[in-house]
Structures are given as C-alpha cells and as structure tokens.
Amino acid sequence: MNTEAKLEQKCRKLAIDAGWLSYKFESEGGLPDRIFIKDGRIIFVEFKAPKTGRLSKLQQVQIKRMINAGAIVHVCDNVESFLRIIEL
C-alpha cells in the first residue's frame, strides 16, 4: 500500500471513530478522493502523499469549480491537517 493510500486509510478511520460518515468518491473526472459527512457538514478531501503528492491539472480545475460552487474542499497530505479539517 502506498503512502497516500495509508494516509487516506488512517484519516478515514479517525473520522469514522469521531462519528463522521465516509464515502470513497470513485470518478474518472479528477474529483476528490473522499466525502465526509457529519452534523449537516459535507467535506470533500483529496489525499496526497506527503511531500511528493501533486494535484493534476484536471484535479486543480475540478477543485476550483467545486469551491466556486460553494463546496468545502481540502487537499490533505498529513494526519494533523486532516484532524484540523474535521475539528478534532
């Protein structure tokens, strides 16, 4: 399992343990990896490997479109930033 997948798996477990719903977002169109839902909040998260992970051009475009439409989207490359995102 690569570093990005390990980060996503660990963050998913932390979120679920804190009462968040977590869904894998399967898409061919550069959309974020996961959707987290709790208490009326919906957060999209794109996970990237620490230090080496980069957004593709398509991901940059899609994330910008989502944010412009009012979505909450984060790019996360470490557990600490994820915990801040979900306010733990």
N, C-alpha and C. Protein backbone atom coordinates (compact mmCIF):
# COMPACT_ATOMS: atom_id res chain seq x y z
N MET A 1 0.86 -1.18 0.00
CA MET A 1 0.00 0.00 0.00
C MET A 1 0.90 1.24 0.00
N ASN A 2 0.60 2.19 -0.88
CA ASN A 2 1.44 3.38 -0.97
C ASN A 2 1.15 4.36 0.16
N THR A 3 1.98 5.37 0.28
CA THR A 3 1.87 6.35 1.37
C THR A 3 0.55 7.09 1.33
N GLU A 4 0.12 7.48 0.13
CA GLU A 4 -1.16 8.19 0.00
C GLU A 4 -2.32 7.32 0.47
N ALA A 5 -2.32 6.07 0.09
CA ALA A 5 -3.39 5.15 0.50
C ALA A 5 -3.37 4.93 2.01
N LYS A 6 -2.19 4.84 2.60
CA LYS A 6 -2.08 4.67 4.05
C LYS A 6 -2.62 5.90 4.78
N LEU A 7 -2.30 7.08 4.27
CA LEU A 7 -2.81 8.31 4.87
C LEU A 7 -4.33 8.35 4.79
N GLU A 8 -4.87 8.04 3.62
CA GLU A 8 -6.32 8.05 3.45
C GLU A 8 -6.99 7.05 4.40
N GLN A 9 -6.43 5.86 4.51
CA GLN A 9 -6.99 4.82 5.38
C GLN A 9 -6.97 5.27 6.84
N LYS A 10 -5.86 5.84 7.30
CA LYS A 10 -5.75 6.27 8.69
C LYS A 10 -6.74 7.41 8.97
N CYS A 11 -6.83 8.37 8.07
CA CYS A 11 -7.73 9.51 8.27
C CYS A 11 -9.19 9.05 8.24
N ARG A 12 -9.51 8.14 7.36
CA ARG A 12 -10.87 7.59 7.29
C ARG A 12 -11.24 6.95 8.63
N LYS A 13 -10.33 6.16 9.20
CA LYS A 13 -10.62 5.51 10.48
C LYS A 13 -10.82 6.55 11.58
N LEU A 14 -9.98 7.57 11.62
CA LEU A 14 -10.13 8.62 12.63
C LEU A 14 -11.47 9.33 12.49
N ALA A 15 -11.87 9.61 11.27
CA ALA A 15 -13.14 10.29 11.04
C ALA A 15 -14.32 9.41 11.46
N ILE A 16 -14.30 8.16 11.07
CA ILE A 16 -15.39 7.24 11.44
C ILE A 16 -15.46 7.11 12.96
N ASP A 17 -14.33 6.98 13.61
CA ASP A 17 -14.31 6.88 15.08
C ASP A 17 -14.89 8.13 15.74
N ALA A 18 -14.82 9.27 15.04
CA ALA A 18 -15.35 10.53 15.56
C ALA A 18 -16.80 10.77 15.11
N GLY A 19 -17.40 9.79 14.46
CA GLY A 19 -18.81 9.89 14.11
C GLY A 19 -19.11 10.41 12.71
N TRP A 20 -18.09 10.57 11.88
CA TRP A 20 -18.29 11.03 10.51
C TRP A 20 -18.66 9.85 9.61
N LEU A 21 -19.53 10.09 8.63
CA LEU A 21 -19.73 9.13 7.55
C LEU A 21 -18.59 9.37 6.56
N SER A 22 -18.12 8.32 5.93
CA SER A 22 -17.03 8.44 4.98
C SER A 22 -17.33 7.61 3.75
N TYR A 23 -17.28 8.25 2.60
CA TYR A 23 -17.54 7.55 1.35
C TYR A 23 -16.39 7.78 0.38
N LYS A 24 -16.00 6.72 -0.30
CA LYS A 24 -14.98 6.81 -1.34
C LYS A 24 -15.67 7.37 -2.58
N PHE A 25 -15.04 8.36 -3.19
CA PHE A 25 -15.61 9.01 -4.36
C PHE A 25 -14.89 8.47 -5.58
N GLU A 26 -15.53 7.54 -6.29
CA GLU A 26 -14.95 6.95 -7.49
C GLU A 26 -15.35 7.80 -8.69
N SER A 27 -14.36 8.31 -9.41
CA SER A 27 -14.65 9.20 -10.51
C SER A 27 -13.52 9.16 -11.53
N GLU A 28 -13.87 9.38 -12.77
CA GLU A 28 -12.85 9.50 -13.82
C GLU A 28 -12.50 10.96 -14.05
N GLY A 29 -13.19 11.87 -13.35
CA GLY A 29 -13.08 13.28 -13.67
C GLY A 29 -12.27 14.13 -12.74
N GLY A 30 -11.31 13.57 -11.98
CA GLY A 30 -10.43 14.38 -11.16
C GLY A 30 -11.06 14.92 -9.89
N LEU A 31 -12.13 14.28 -9.42
CA LEU A 31 -12.79 14.75 -8.20
C LEU A 31 -12.08 14.22 -6.96
N PRO A 32 -12.30 14.86 -5.79
CA PRO A 32 -11.61 14.45 -4.55
C PRO A 32 -11.85 12.98 -4.20
N ASP A 33 -10.93 12.43 -3.39
CA ASP A 33 -10.96 11.01 -3.03
C ASP A 33 -12.15 10.61 -2.17
N ARG A 34 -12.47 11.45 -1.17
CA ARG A 34 -13.48 11.07 -0.18
C ARG A 34 -14.43 12.20 0.14
N ILE A 35 -15.61 11.78 0.59
CA ILE A 35 -16.62 12.69 1.11
C ILE A 35 -16.82 12.33 2.57
N PHE A 36 -16.80 13.33 3.45
CA PHE A 36 -17.05 13.13 4.88
C PHE A 36 -18.29 13.94 5.26
N ILE A 37 -19.19 13.31 6.02
CA ILE A 37 -20.45 13.96 6.38
C ILE A 37 -20.71 13.78 7.87
N LYS A 38 -21.04 14.89 8.53
CA LYS A 38 -21.41 14.83 9.95
C LYS A 38 -22.13 16.12 10.32
N ASP A 39 -23.24 15.97 11.05
CA ASP A 39 -23.97 17.12 11.59
C ASP A 39 -24.26 18.19 10.54
N GLY A 40 -24.66 17.78 9.37
CA GLY A 40 -25.01 18.72 8.31
C GLY A 40 -23.82 19.28 7.54
N ARG A 41 -22.63 18.88 7.89
CA ARG A 41 -21.42 19.33 7.18
C ARG A 41 -21.02 18.29 6.16
N ILE A 42 -20.66 18.74 4.98
CA ILE A 42 -20.18 17.87 3.92
C ILE A 42 -18.83 18.41 3.47
N ILE A 43 -17.80 17.58 3.59
CA ILE A 43 -16.43 17.99 3.27
C ILE A 43 -15.85 17.00 2.26
N PHE A 44 -15.26 17.53 1.22
CA PHE A 44 -14.57 16.72 0.22
C PHE A 44 -13.07 16.81 0.51
N VAL A 45 -12.38 15.67 0.47
CA VAL A 45 -10.94 15.67 0.74
C VAL A 45 -10.20 14.89 -0.35
N GLU A 46 -9.20 15.55 -0.89
CA GLU A 46 -8.26 14.90 -1.81
C GLU A 46 -6.99 14.61 -1.00
N PHE A 47 -6.62 13.34 -0.91
CA PHE A 47 -5.42 12.95 -0.18
C PHE A 47 -4.24 12.89 -1.13
N LYS A 48 -3.09 13.37 -0.65
CA LYS A 48 -1.85 13.34 -1.42
C LYS A 48 -0.74 12.84 -0.52
N ALA A 49 0.20 12.13 -1.12
CA ALA A 49 1.36 11.64 -0.38
C ALA A 49 2.15 12.84 0.16
N PRO A 50 2.60 12.74 1.41
CA PRO A 50 3.39 13.83 1.98
C PRO A 50 4.60 14.17 1.10
N LYS A 51 4.81 15.44 0.87
CA LYS A 51 5.97 15.99 0.15
C LYS A 51 6.01 15.70 -1.34
N THR A 52 5.51 14.57 -1.79
CA THR A 52 5.62 14.22 -3.20
C THR A 52 4.32 14.32 -3.97
N GLY A 53 3.20 14.32 -3.28
CA GLY A 53 1.91 14.33 -3.95
C GLY A 53 1.60 15.68 -4.57
N ARG A 54 1.11 15.67 -5.79
CA ARG A 54 0.75 16.90 -6.50
C ARG A 54 -0.61 16.73 -7.16
N LEU A 55 -1.37 17.80 -7.21
CA LEU A 55 -2.64 17.77 -7.91
C LEU A 55 -2.39 17.77 -9.42
N SER A 56 -3.17 16.96 -10.13
CA SER A 56 -3.10 17.01 -11.59
C SER A 56 -3.81 18.29 -12.06
N LYS A 57 -3.60 18.66 -13.29
CA LYS A 57 -4.29 19.83 -13.86
C LYS A 57 -5.80 19.64 -13.77
N LEU A 58 -6.28 18.44 -14.07
CA LEU A 58 -7.71 18.16 -14.00
C LEU A 58 -8.22 18.31 -12.57
N GLN A 59 -7.48 17.79 -11.60
CA GLN A 59 -7.88 17.95 -10.20
C GLN A 59 -7.93 19.42 -9.81
N GLN A 60 -6.95 20.19 -10.23
CA GLN A 60 -6.96 21.63 -9.93
C GLN A 60 -8.21 22.30 -10.47
N VAL A 61 -8.57 21.98 -11.71
CA VAL A 61 -9.76 22.57 -12.33
C VAL A 61 -11.02 22.14 -11.59
N GLN A 62 -11.14 20.85 -11.31
CA GLN A 62 -12.36 20.35 -10.65
C GLN A 62 -12.51 20.92 -9.23
N ILE A 63 -11.41 20.97 -8.49
CA ILE A 63 -11.48 21.50 -7.13
C ILE A 63 -11.86 22.98 -7.17
N LYS A 64 -11.31 23.73 -8.09
CA LYS A 64 -11.67 25.14 -8.21
C LYS A 64 -13.15 25.29 -8.56
N ARG A 65 -13.65 24.47 -9.46
CA ARG A 65 -15.08 24.50 -9.82
C ARG A 65 -15.96 24.21 -8.61
N MET A 66 -15.56 23.20 -7.85
CA MET A 66 -16.35 22.81 -6.67
C MET A 66 -16.36 23.94 -5.64
N ILE A 67 -15.21 24.53 -5.37
CA ILE A 67 -15.13 25.62 -4.41
C ILE A 67 -15.95 26.81 -4.89
N ASN A 68 -15.88 27.13 -6.18
CA ASN A 68 -16.66 28.23 -6.73
C ASN A 68 -18.16 27.99 -6.63
N ALA A 69 -18.55 26.71 -6.58
CA ALA A 69 -19.96 26.36 -6.43
C ALA A 69 -20.38 26.26 -4.97
N GLY A 70 -19.45 26.54 -4.06
CA GLY A 70 -19.79 26.55 -2.64
C GLY A 70 -19.41 25.32 -1.85
N ALA A 71 -18.73 24.37 -2.47
CA ALA A 71 -18.32 23.15 -1.76
C ALA A 71 -17.12 23.44 -0.87
N ILE A 72 -17.01 22.64 0.18
CA ILE A 72 -15.84 22.69 1.06
C ILE A 72 -14.91 21.58 0.60
N VAL A 73 -13.75 21.96 0.08
CA VAL A 73 -12.79 21.00 -0.47
C VAL A 73 -11.42 21.27 0.15
N HIS A 74 -10.77 20.21 0.59
CA HIS A 74 -9.43 20.31 1.16
C HIS A 74 -8.51 19.32 0.47
N VAL A 75 -7.25 19.69 0.35
CA VAL A 75 -6.20 18.78 -0.07
C VAL A 75 -5.38 18.50 1.18
N CYS A 76 -5.19 17.24 1.47
CA CYS A 76 -4.58 16.86 2.75
C CYS A 76 -3.39 15.94 2.51
N ASP A 77 -2.24 16.29 3.12
CA ASP A 77 -1.07 15.42 2.98
C ASP A 77 -0.50 14.95 4.31
N ASN A 78 -1.25 15.16 5.41
CA ASN A 78 -0.82 14.63 6.70
C ASN A 78 -2.00 14.53 7.66
N VAL A 79 -1.83 13.69 8.66
CA VAL A 79 -2.91 13.42 9.62
C VAL A 79 -3.27 14.67 10.41
N GLU A 80 -2.29 15.46 10.80
CA GLU A 80 -2.55 16.64 11.63
C GLU A 80 -3.46 17.63 10.92
N SER A 81 -3.20 17.87 9.64
CA SER A 81 -4.07 18.80 8.91
C SER A 81 -5.47 18.22 8.74
N PHE A 82 -5.57 16.90 8.57
CA PHE A 82 -6.88 16.28 8.48
C PHE A 82 -7.66 16.46 9.79
N LEU A 83 -7.00 16.27 10.91
CA LEU A 83 -7.67 16.45 12.20
C LEU A 83 -8.20 17.87 12.36
N ARG A 84 -7.47 18.85 11.87
CA ARG A 84 -7.95 20.24 11.90
C ARG A 84 -9.17 20.41 11.00
N ILE A 85 -9.15 19.76 9.83
CA ILE A 85 -10.26 19.84 8.90
C ILE A 85 -11.54 19.34 9.54
N ILE A 86 -11.45 18.21 10.23
CA ILE A 86 -12.67 17.65 10.85
C ILE A 86 -12.83 18.11 12.30
N GLU A 87 -12.00 19.04 12.70
CA GLU A 87 -12.08 19.70 14.00
C GLU A 87 -11.96 18.75 15.18
N LEU A 88 -10.91 17.92 15.15
CA LEU A 88 -10.62 17.03 16.28
C LEU A 88 -9.37 17.52 16.98
